[in-house]
């Protein structure tokens, strides 16, 4: 996608350290590319007693980050699948 700030080939860099993740008690399951957005979102949620109409900007930012990361991973998977299909087609052609 043209608006992405990272390439498909490079592994995404994290913007938060393990110490910060431990300090803010982010669960291991949520420690992905977008984990740097969670401390701010969780703080906002706690400060506003988890009111769903509060913290919309933080939630939307985190959701967009998750979606962009998913799109990046799917493009990478599609490239791998296409390369694998080309290898199989070349091997089949060589066998004939």
PDB file of N, CA and C in Angstrom:
ATOM      1  N   UNK A   1       0.839  -1.166   0.000  1.00  0.00           N
ATOM      2  CA  UNK A   1       0.000   0.000   0.000  1.00  0.00           C
ATOM      3  C   UNK A   1       0.889   1.235   0.000  1.00  0.00           C
ATOM      4  N   UNK A   2       0.493   2.244  -0.707  1.00  0.00           N
ATOM      5  CA  UNK A   2       1.355   3.390  -0.901  1.00  0.00           C
ATOM      6  C   UNK A   2       1.585   4.192   0.377  1.00  0.00           C
ATOM      7  N   UNK A   3       0.646   4.184   1.317  1.00  0.00           N
ATOM      8  CA  UNK A   3       0.769   4.989   2.512  1.00  0.00           C
ATOM      9  C   UNK A   3       1.556   4.346   3.629  1.00  0.00           C
ATOM     10  N   UNK A   4       2.028   3.126   3.430  1.00  0.00           N
ATOM     11  CA  UNK A   4       2.759   2.452   4.498  1.00  0.00           C
ATOM     12  C   UNK A   4       4.101   3.117   4.722  1.00  0.00           C
ATOM     13  N   UNK A   5       4.523   3.160   5.991  1.00  0.00           N
ATOM     14  CA  UNK A   5       5.792   3.799   6.316  1.00  0.00           C
ATOM     15  C   UNK A   5       6.923   2.789   6.421  1.00  0.00           C
ATOM     16  N   UNK A   6       6.682   1.556   6.011  1.00  0.00           N
ATOM     17  CA  UNK A   6       7.713   0.530   6.065  1.00  0.00           C
ATOM     18  C   UNK A   6       7.556  -0.371   4.858  1.00  0.00           C
ATOM     19  N   UNK A   7       8.644  -1.036   4.482  1.00  0.00           N
ATOM     20  CA  UNK A   7       8.596  -1.883   3.302  1.00  0.00           C
ATOM     21  C   UNK A   7       8.165  -3.294   3.676  1.00  0.00           C
ATOM     22  N   UNK A   8       7.796  -4.069   2.684  1.00  0.00           N
ATOM     23  CA  UNK A   8       7.365  -5.441   2.922  1.00  0.00           C
ATOM     24  C   UNK A   8       8.526  -6.337   3.316  1.00  0.00           C
ATOM     25  N   UNK A   9       9.697  -6.053   2.798  1.00  0.00           N
ATOM     26  CA  UNK A   9      10.827  -6.942   3.006  1.00  0.00           C
ATOM     27  C   UNK A   9      11.491  -6.748   4.364  1.00  0.00           C
ATOM     28  N   UNK A  10      11.535  -5.528   4.838  1.00  0.00           N
ATOM     29  CA  UNK A  10      12.191  -5.254   6.112  1.00  0.00           C
ATOM     30  C   UNK A  10      11.291  -5.702   7.264  1.00  0.00           C
ATOM     31  N   UNK A  11      11.902  -6.280   8.278  1.00  0.00           N
ATOM     32  CA  UNK A  11      11.106  -6.646   9.444  1.00  0.00           C
ATOM     33  C   UNK A  11      10.805  -5.364  10.209  1.00  0.00           C
ATOM     34  N   UNK A  12       9.565  -5.215  10.668  1.00  0.00           N
ATOM     35  CA  UNK A  12       9.199  -3.965  11.324  1.00  0.00           C
ATOM     36  C   UNK A  12       9.950  -3.786  12.639  1.00  0.00           C
ATOM     37  N   UNK A  13      10.371  -2.570  12.889  1.00  0.00           N
ATOM     38  CA  UNK A  13      11.087  -2.324  14.130  1.00  0.00           C
ATOM     39  C   UNK A  13      10.089  -1.904  15.202  1.00  0.00           C
ATOM     40  N   UNK A  14      10.370  -2.287  16.417  1.00  0.00           N
ATOM     41  CA  UNK A  14       9.487  -1.942  17.514  1.00  0.00           C
ATOM     42  C   UNK A  14       9.895  -0.583  18.071  1.00  0.00           C
ATOM     43  N   UNK A  15       8.915   0.139  18.576  1.00  0.00           N
ATOM     44  CA  UNK A  15       9.153   1.479  19.087  1.00  0.00           C
ATOM     45  C   UNK A  15       9.088   1.518  20.611  1.00  0.00           C
ATOM     46  N   UNK A  16       9.075   0.350  21.249  1.00  0.00           N
ATOM     47  CA  UNK A  16       8.992   0.278  22.700  1.00  0.00           C
ATOM     48  C   UNK A  16       9.900  -0.855  23.170  1.00  0.00           C
ATOM     49  N   UNK A  17      10.542  -0.654  24.285  1.00  0.00           N
ATOM     50  CA  UNK A  17      11.478  -1.662  24.781  1.00  0.00           C
ATOM     51  C   UNK A  17      10.741  -2.703  25.617  1.00  0.00           C
ATOM     52  N   UNK A  18      11.402  -3.826  25.836  1.00  0.00           N
ATOM     53  CA  UNK A  18      10.825  -4.880  26.671  1.00  0.00           C
ATOM     54  C   UNK A  18      10.601  -4.383  28.094  1.00  0.00           C
ATOM     55  N   UNK A  19      11.506  -3.556  28.582  1.00  0.00           N
ATOM     56  CA  UNK A  19      11.351  -3.016  29.941  1.00  0.00           C
ATOM     57  C   UNK A  19      10.088  -2.164  30.054  1.00  0.00           C
ATOM     58  N   UNK A  20       9.839  -1.350  29.028  1.00  0.00           N
ATOM     59  CA  UNK A  20       8.626  -0.526  29.039  1.00  0.00           C
ATOM     60  C   UNK A  20       7.380  -1.388  28.948  1.00  0.00           C
ATOM     61  N   UNK A  21       7.443  -2.452  28.139  1.00  0.00           N
ATOM     62  CA  UNK A  21       6.299  -3.359  28.040  1.00  0.00           C
ATOM     63  C   UNK A  21       6.036  -4.048  29.375  1.00  0.00           C
ATOM     64  N   UNK A  22       7.097  -4.442  30.046  1.00  0.00           N
ATOM     65  CA  UNK A  22       6.943  -5.072  31.363  1.00  0.00           C
ATOM     66  C   UNK A  22       6.378  -4.082  32.375  1.00  0.00           C
ATOM     67  N   UNK A  23       6.877  -2.856  32.334  1.00  0.00           N
ATOM     68  CA  UNK A  23       6.433  -1.826  33.279  1.00  0.00           C
ATOM     69  C   UNK A  23       4.942  -1.533  33.104  1.00  0.00           C
ATOM     70  N   UNK A  24       4.474  -1.477  31.862  1.00  0.00           N
ATOM     71  CA  UNK A  24       3.063  -1.176  31.596  1.00  0.00           C
ATOM     72  C   UNK A  24       2.195  -2.426  31.596  1.00  0.00           C
ATOM     73  N   UNK A  25       2.796  -3.581  31.865  1.00  0.00           N
ATOM     74  CA  UNK A  25       2.092  -4.857  31.991  1.00  0.00           C
ATOM     75  C   UNK A  25       1.287  -5.222  30.739  1.00  0.00           C
ATOM     76  N   UNK A  26       1.912  -5.046  29.575  1.00  0.00           N
ATOM     77  CA  UNK A  26       1.293  -5.470  28.327  1.00  0.00           C
ATOM     78  C   UNK A  26       1.448  -6.987  28.232  1.00  0.00           C
ATOM     79  N   UNK A  27       0.345  -7.739  28.062  1.00  0.00           N
ATOM     80  CA  UNK A  27       0.451  -9.200  27.970  1.00  0.00           C
ATOM     81  C   UNK A  27       1.299  -9.635  26.774  1.00  0.00           C
ATOM     82  N   UNK A  28       1.913 -10.788  26.884  1.00  0.00           N
ATOM     83  CA  UNK A  28       2.771 -11.296  25.804  1.00  0.00           C
ATOM     84  C   UNK A  28       2.018 -11.423  24.489  1.00  0.00           C
ATOM     85  N   UNK A  29       0.774 -11.802  24.539  1.00  0.00           N
ATOM     86  CA  UNK A  29      -0.015 -11.988  23.316  1.00  0.00           C
ATOM     87  C   UNK A  29      -0.206 -10.689  22.539  1.00  0.00           C
ATOM     88  N   UNK A  30      -0.092  -9.554  23.202  1.00  0.00           N
ATOM     89  CA  UNK A  30      -0.309  -8.254  22.549  1.00  0.00           C
ATOM     90  C   UNK A  30       0.993  -7.555  22.192  1.00  0.00           C
ATOM     91  N   UNK A  31       2.122  -8.197  22.394  1.00  0.00           N
ATOM     92  CA  UNK A  31       3.414  -7.571  22.112  1.00  0.00           C
ATOM     93  C   UNK A  31       3.807  -7.813  20.661  1.00  0.00           C
ATOM     94  N   UNK A  32       3.229  -7.030  19.792  1.00  0.00           N
ATOM     95  CA  UNK A  32       3.501  -7.145  18.370  1.00  0.00           C
ATOM     96  C   UNK A  32       4.018  -5.805  17.863  1.00  0.00           C
ATOM     97  N   UNK A  33       3.914  -5.582  16.577  1.00  0.00           N
ATOM     98  CA  UNK A  33       4.420  -4.357  15.958  1.00  0.00           C
ATOM     99  C   UNK A  33       3.737  -3.114  16.514  1.00  0.00           C
ATOM    100  N   UNK A  34       2.490  -3.223  16.921  1.00  0.00           N
ATOM    101  CA  UNK A  34       1.717  -2.065  17.381  1.00  0.00           C
ATOM    102  C   UNK A  34       1.693  -1.923  18.898  1.00  0.00           C
ATOM    103  N   UNK A  35       2.518  -2.653  19.593  1.00  0.00           N
ATOM    104  CA  UNK A  35       2.513  -2.625  21.064  1.00  0.00           C
ATOM    105  C   UNK A  35       2.884  -1.259  21.619  1.00  0.00           C
ATOM    106  N   UNK A  36       3.596  -0.455  20.851  1.00  0.00           N
ATOM    107  CA  UNK A  36       3.980   0.870  21.336  1.00  0.00           C
ATOM    108  C   UNK A  36       2.780   1.793  21.523  1.00  0.00           C
ATOM    109  N   UNK A  37       1.646   1.463  20.923  1.00  0.00           N
ATOM    110  CA  UNK A  37       0.445   2.279  21.052  1.00  0.00           C
ATOM    111  C   UNK A  37      -0.429   1.863  22.233  1.00  0.00           C
ATOM    112  N   UNK A  38      -0.226   0.678  22.741  1.00  0.00           N
ATOM    113  CA  UNK A  38      -1.087   0.154  23.806  1.00  0.00           C
ATOM    114  C   UNK A  38      -0.955   0.860  25.154  1.00  0.00           C
ATOM    115  N   UNK A  39       0.229   1.225  25.619  1.00  0.00           N
ATOM    116  CA  UNK A  39       0.285   1.895  26.927  1.00  0.00           C
ATOM    117  C   UNK A  39      -0.565   3.167  26.987  1.00  0.00           C
ATOM    118  N   UNK A  40      -0.502   3.973  25.939  1.00  0.00           N
ATOM    119  CA  UNK A  40      -1.294   5.197  25.906  1.00  0.00           C
ATOM    120  C   UNK A  40      -2.796   4.885  25.856  1.00  0.00           C
ATOM    121  N   UNK A  41      -3.171   3.889  25.051  1.00  0.00           N
ATOM    122  CA  UNK A  41      -4.579   3.499  24.954  1.00  0.00           C
ATOM    123  C   UNK A  41      -5.084   2.951  26.279  1.00  0.00           C
ATOM    124  N   UNK A  42      -4.316   2.077  26.900  1.00  0.00           N
ATOM    125  CA  UNK A  42      -4.740   1.500  28.175  1.00  0.00           C
ATOM    126  C   UNK A  42      -4.819   2.549  29.277  1.00  0.00           C
ATOM    127  N   UNK A  43      -3.889   3.499  29.292  1.00  0.00           N
ATOM    128  CA  UNK A  43      -3.937   4.563  30.290  1.00  0.00           C
ATOM    129  C   UNK A  43      -5.189   5.401  30.104  1.00  0.00           C
ATOM    130  N   UNK A  44      -5.499   5.740  28.874  1.00  0.00           N
ATOM    131  CA  UNK A  44      -6.698   6.517  28.588  1.00  0.00           C
ATOM    132  C   UNK A  44      -7.944   5.742  29.023  1.00  0.00           C
ATOM    133  N   UNK A  45      -7.982   4.466  28.726  1.00  0.00           N
ATOM    134  CA  UNK A  45      -9.130   3.648  29.121  1.00  0.00           C
ATOM    135  C   UNK A  45      -9.286   3.604  30.634  1.00  0.00           C
ATOM    136  N   UNK A  46      -8.192   3.398  31.348  1.00  0.00           N
ATOM    137  CA  UNK A  46      -8.275   3.357  32.814  1.00  0.00           C
ATOM    138  C   UNK A  46      -8.712   4.705  33.382  1.00  0.00           C
ATOM    139  N   UNK A  47      -8.172   5.797  32.840  1.00  0.00           N
ATOM    140  CA  UNK A  47      -8.521   7.135  33.321  1.00  0.00           C
ATOM    141  C   UNK A  47      -9.991   7.471  33.096  1.00  0.00           C
ATOM    142  N   UNK A  48     -10.575   6.886  32.070  1.00  0.00           N
ATOM    143  CA  UNK A  48     -11.970   7.181  31.719  1.00  0.00           C
ATOM    144  C   UNK A  48     -12.915   6.032  32.053  1.00  0.00           C
ATOM    145  N   UNK A  49     -12.465   5.127  32.909  1.00  0.00           N
ATOM    146  CA  UNK A  49     -13.289   4.001  33.373  1.00  0.00           C
ATOM    147  C   UNK A  49     -13.846   3.164  32.213  1.00  0.00           C
ATOM    148  N   UNK A  50     -13.031   2.979  31.185  1.00  0.00           N
ATOM    149  CA  UNK A  50     -13.337   2.139  30.028  1.00  0.00           C
ATOM    150  C   UNK A  50     -14.617   2.565  29.299  1.00  0.00           C
ATOM    151  N   UNK A  51     -14.937   3.842  29.337  1.00  0.00           N
ATOM    152  CA  UNK A  51     -16.098   4.352  28.595  1.00  0.00           C
ATOM    153  C   UNK A  51     -15.825   4.186  27.102  1.00  0.00           C
ATOM    154  N   UNK A  52     -16.713   3.510  26.352  1.00  0.00           N
ATOM    155  CA  UNK A  52     -16.428   3.202  24.947  1.00  0.00           C
ATOM    156  C   UNK A  52     -16.339   4.436  24.044  1.00  0.00           C
ATOM    157  N   UNK A  53     -16.960   5.547  24.414  1.00  0.00           N
ATOM    158  CA  UNK A  53     -16.918   6.742  23.573  1.00  0.00           C
ATOM    159  C   UNK A  53     -15.690   7.601  23.852  1.00  0.00           C
ATOM    160  N   UNK A  54     -14.952   7.243  24.883  1.00  0.00           N
ATOM    161  CA  UNK A  54     -13.704   7.949  25.183  1.00  0.00           C
ATOM    162  C   UNK A  54     -12.558   7.223  24.470  1.00  0.00           C
ATOM    163  N   UNK A  55     -11.461   7.862  24.311  1.00  0.00           N
ATOM    164  CA  UNK A  55     -10.225   7.265  23.758  1.00  0.00           C
ATOM    165  C   UNK A  55     -10.401   6.754  22.329  1.00  0.00           C
ATOM    166  N   UNK A  56     -11.323   7.328  21.581  1.00  0.00           N
ATOM    167  CA  UNK A  56     -11.542   6.859  20.207  1.00  0.00           C
ATOM    168  C   UNK A  56     -10.323   7.077  19.332  1.00  0.00           C
ATOM    169  N   UNK A  57      -9.661   8.211  19.496  1.00  0.00           N
ATOM    170  CA  UNK A  57      -8.498   8.499  18.654  1.00  0.00           C
ATOM    171  C   UNK A  57      -7.387   7.471  18.885  1.00  0.00           C
ATOM    172  N   UNK A  58      -7.128   7.131  20.147  1.00  0.00           N
ATOM    173  CA  UNK A  58      -6.101   6.141  20.464  1.00  0.00           C
ATOM    174  C   UNK A  58      -6.482   4.763  19.944  1.00  0.00           C
ATOM    175  N   UNK A  59      -7.760   4.407  20.089  1.00  0.00           N
ATOM    176  CA  UNK A  59      -8.223   3.097  19.635  1.00  0.00           C
ATOM    177  C   UNK A  59      -8.140   2.999  18.117  1.00  0.00           C
ATOM    178  N   UNK A  60      -8.537   4.044  17.420  1.00  0.00           N
ATOM    179  CA  UNK A  60      -8.507   4.038  15.959  1.00  0.00           C
ATOM    180  C   UNK A  60      -7.061   3.974  15.470  1.00  0.00           C
ATOM    181  N   UNK A  61      -6.157   4.688  16.130  1.00  0.00           N
ATOM    182  CA  UNK A  61      -4.741   4.646  15.755  1.00  0.00           C
ATOM    183  C   UNK A  61      -4.191   3.235  15.916  1.00  0.00           C
ATOM    184  N   UNK A  62      -4.508   2.585  17.028  1.00  0.00           N
ATOM    185  CA  UNK A  62      -4.040   1.220  17.264  1.00  0.00           C
ATOM    186  C   UNK A  62      -4.652   0.242  16.254  1.00  0.00           C
ATOM    187  N   UNK A  63      -5.949   0.375  15.986  1.00  0.00           N
ATOM    188  CA  UNK A  63      -6.621  -0.505  15.034  1.00  0.00           C
ATOM    189  C   UNK A  63      -6.037  -0.336  13.629  1.00  0.00           C
ATOM    190  N   UNK A  64      -5.754   0.901  13.233  1.00  0.00           N
ATOM    191  CA  UNK A  64      -5.158   1.162  11.913  1.00  0.00           C
ATOM    192  C   UNK A  64      -3.767   0.541  11.832  1.00  0.00           C
ATOM    193  N   UNK A  65      -3.009   0.649  12.899  1.00  0.00           N
ATOM    194  CA  UNK A  65      -1.681   0.034  12.932  1.00  0.00           C
ATOM    195  C   UNK A  65      -1.797  -1.479  12.769  1.00  0.00           C
ATOM    196  N   UNK A  66      -2.740  -2.101  13.471  1.00  0.00           N
ATOM    197  CA  UNK A  66      -2.953  -3.544  13.355  1.00  0.00           C
ATOM    198  C   UNK A  66      -3.326  -3.921  11.925  1.00  0.00           C
ATOM    199  N   UNK A  67      -4.212  -3.148  11.308  1.00  0.00           N
ATOM    200  CA  UNK A  67      -4.639  -3.428   9.939  1.00  0.00           C
ATOM    201  C   UNK A  67      -3.484  -3.287   8.956  1.00  0.00           C
ATOM    202  N   UNK A  68      -2.696  -2.222   9.088  1.00  0.00           N
ATOM    203  CA  UNK A  68      -1.552  -2.027   8.192  1.00  0.00           C
ATOM    204  C   UNK A  68      -0.533  -3.154   8.346  1.00  0.00           C
ATOM    205  N   UNK A  69      -0.315  -3.606   9.572  1.00  0.00           N
ATOM    206  CA  UNK A  69       0.613  -4.709   9.804  1.00  0.00           C
ATOM    207  C   UNK A  69       0.082  -5.998   9.178  1.00  0.00           C
ATOM    208  N   UNK A  70      -1.222  -6.219   9.301  1.00  0.00           N
ATOM    209  CA  UNK A  70      -1.842  -7.395   8.672  1.00  0.00           C
ATOM    210  C   UNK A  70      -1.673  -7.343   7.154  1.00  0.00           C
ATOM    211  N   UNK A  71      -1.921  -6.187   6.565  1.00  0.00           N
ATOM    212  CA  UNK A  71      -1.756  -6.036   5.117  1.00  0.00           C
ATOM    213  C   UNK A  71      -0.316  -6.301   4.698  1.00  0.00           C
ATOM    214  N   UNK A  72       0.649  -5.805   5.464  1.00  0.00           N
ATOM    215  CA  UNK A  72       2.060  -6.028   5.153  1.00  0.00           C
ATOM    216  C   UNK A  72       2.389  -7.514   5.188  1.00  0.00           C
ATOM    217  N   UNK A  73       1.902  -8.202   6.230  1.00  0.00           N
ATOM    218  CA  UNK A  73       2.176  -9.628   6.345  1.00  0.00           C
ATOM    219  C   UNK A  73       1.510 -10.420   5.226  1.00  0.00           C
ATOM    220  N   UNK A  74       0.318 -10.027   4.792  1.00  0.00           N
ATOM    221  CA  UNK A  74      -0.361 -10.733   3.712  1.00  0.00           C
ATOM    222  C   UNK A  74       0.341 -10.514   2.371  1.00  0.00           C
ATOM    223  N   UNK A  75       0.851  -9.293   2.137  1.00  0.00           N
ATOM    224  CA  UNK A  75       1.615  -9.051   0.900  1.00  0.00           C
ATOM    225  C   UNK A  75       2.873  -9.899   0.886  1.00  0.00           C
ATOM    226  N   UNK A  76       3.518 -10.016   2.027  1.00  0.00           N
ATOM    227  CA  UNK A  76       4.727 -10.833   2.132  1.00  0.00           C
ATOM    228  C   UNK A  76       4.398 -12.304   1.866  1.00  0.00           C
ATOM    229  N   UNK A  77       3.297 -12.774   2.410  1.00  0.00           N
ATOM    230  CA  UNK A  77       2.864 -14.149   2.184  1.00  0.00           C
ATOM    231  C   UNK A  77       2.534 -14.385   0.709  1.00  0.00           C
ATOM    232  N   UNK A  78       1.853 -13.423   0.078  1.00  0.00           N
ATOM    233  CA  UNK A  78       1.532 -13.554  -1.344  1.00  0.00           C
ATOM    234  C   UNK A  78       2.797 -13.636  -2.197  1.00  0.00           C
ATOM    235  N   UNK A  79       3.802 -12.849  -1.841  1.00  0.00           N
ATOM    236  CA  UNK A  79       5.068 -12.907  -2.583  1.00  0.00           C
ATOM    237  C   UNK A  79       5.728 -14.270  -2.428  1.00  0.00           C
ATOM    238  N   UNK A  80       5.686 -14.809  -1.200  1.00  0.00           N
ATOM    239  CA  UNK A  80       6.262 -16.142  -0.973  1.00  0.00           C
ATOM    240  C   UNK A  80       5.508 -17.202  -1.754  1.00  0.00           C
ATOM    241  N   UNK A  81       4.192 -17.110  -1.766  1.00  0.00           N
ATOM    242  CA  UNK A  81       3.386 -18.092  -2.504  1.00  0.00           C
ATOM    243  C   UNK A  81       3.670 -18.021  -3.994  1.00  0.00           C
ATOM    244  N   UNK A  82       3.774 -16.805  -4.531  1.00  0.00           N
ATOM    245  CA  UNK A  82       4.058 -16.646  -5.960  1.00  0.00           C
ATOM    246  C   UNK A  82       5.436 -17.214  -6.301  1.00  0.00           C
ATOM    247  N   UNK A  83       6.409 -16.962  -5.448  1.00  0.00           N
ATOM    248  CA  UNK A  83       7.759 -17.504  -5.685  1.00  0.00           C
ATOM    249  C   UNK A  83       7.735 -19.023  -5.631  1.00  0.00           C
ATOM    250  N   UNK A  84       6.992 -19.580  -4.690  1.00  0.00           N
ATOM    251  CA  UNK A  84       6.892 -21.047  -4.566  1.00  0.00           C
ATOM    252  C   UNK A  84       6.211 -21.642  -5.800  1.00  0.00           C
ATOM    253  N   UNK A  85       5.159 -20.983  -6.288  1.00  0.00           N
ATOM    254  CA  UNK A  85       4.479 -21.473  -7.493  1.00  0.00           C
ATOM    255  C   UNK A  85       5.404 -21.424  -8.700  1.00  0.00           C
ATOM    256  N   UNK A  86       6.228 -20.379  -8.798  1.00  0.00           N
ATOM    257  CA  UNK A  86       7.177 -20.290  -9.904  1.00  0.00           C
ATOM    258  C   UNK A  86       8.212 -21.407  -9.813  1.00  0.00           C
ATOM    259  N   UNK A  87       8.669 -21.710  -8.600  1.00  0.00           N
ATOM    260  CA  UNK A  87       9.627 -22.801  -8.418  1.00  0.00           C
ATOM    261  C   UNK A  87       9.016 -24.131  -8.836  1.00  0.00           C
ATOM    262  N   UNK A  88       7.782 -24.372  -8.433  1.00  0.00           N
ATOM    263  CA  UNK A  88       7.103 -25.626  -8.792  1.00  0.00           C
ATOM    264  C   UNK A  88       6.879 -25.716 -10.299  1.00  0.00           C
ATOM    265  N   UNK A  89       6.510 -24.591 -10.921  1.00  0.00           N
ATOM    266  CA  UNK A  89       6.295 -24.598 -12.367  1.00  0.00           C
ATOM    267  C   UNK A  89       7.617 -24.838 -13.109  1.00  0.00           C
ATOM    268  N   UNK A  90       8.693 -24.249 -12.628  1.00  0.00           N
ATOM    269  CA  UNK A  90      10.003 -24.458 -13.250  1.00  0.00           C
ATOM    270  C   UNK A  90      10.453 -25.910 -13.083  1.00  0.00           C
ATOM    271  N   UNK A  91      10.187 -26.489 -11.913  1.00  0.00           N
ATOM    272  CA  UNK A  91      10.558 -27.885 -11.679  1.00  0.00           C
ATOM    273  C   UNK A  91       9.735 -28.817 -12.543  1.00  0.00           C
ATOM    274  N   UNK A  92       8.456 -28.519 -12.722  1.00  0.00           N
ATOM    275  CA  UNK A  92       7.587 -29.336 -13.577  1.00  0.00           C
ATOM    276  C   UNK A  92       8.017 -29.238 -15.035  1.00  0.00           C
ATOM    277  N   UNK A  93       8.416 -28.030 -15.461  1.00  0.00           N
ATOM    278  CA  UNK A  93       8.870 -27.852 -16.838  1.00  0.00           C
ATOM    279  C   UNK A  93      10.184 -28.557 -17.074  1.00  0.00           C
ATOM    280  N   UNK A  94      11.028 -28.609 -16.064  1.00  0.00           N
ATOM    281  CA  UNK A  94      12.319 -29.282 -16.203  1.00  0.00           C
ATOM    282  C   UNK A  94      12.143 -30.787 -16.282  1.00  0.00           C
ATOM    283  N   UNK A  95      11.111 -31.311 -15.641  1.00  0.00           N
ATOM    284  CA  UNK A  95      10.858 -32.749 -15.661  1.00  0.00           C
ATOM    285  C   UNK A  95      10.331 -33.214 -17.006  1.00  0.00           C
ATOM    286  N   UNK A  96       9.726 -32.327 -17.773  1.00  0.00           N
ATOM    287  CA  UNK A  96       9.169 -32.717 -19.070  1.00  0.00           C
ATOM    288  C   UNK A  96      10.243 -32.822 -20.068  1.00  0.00           C
TER     289      UNK A  96
END
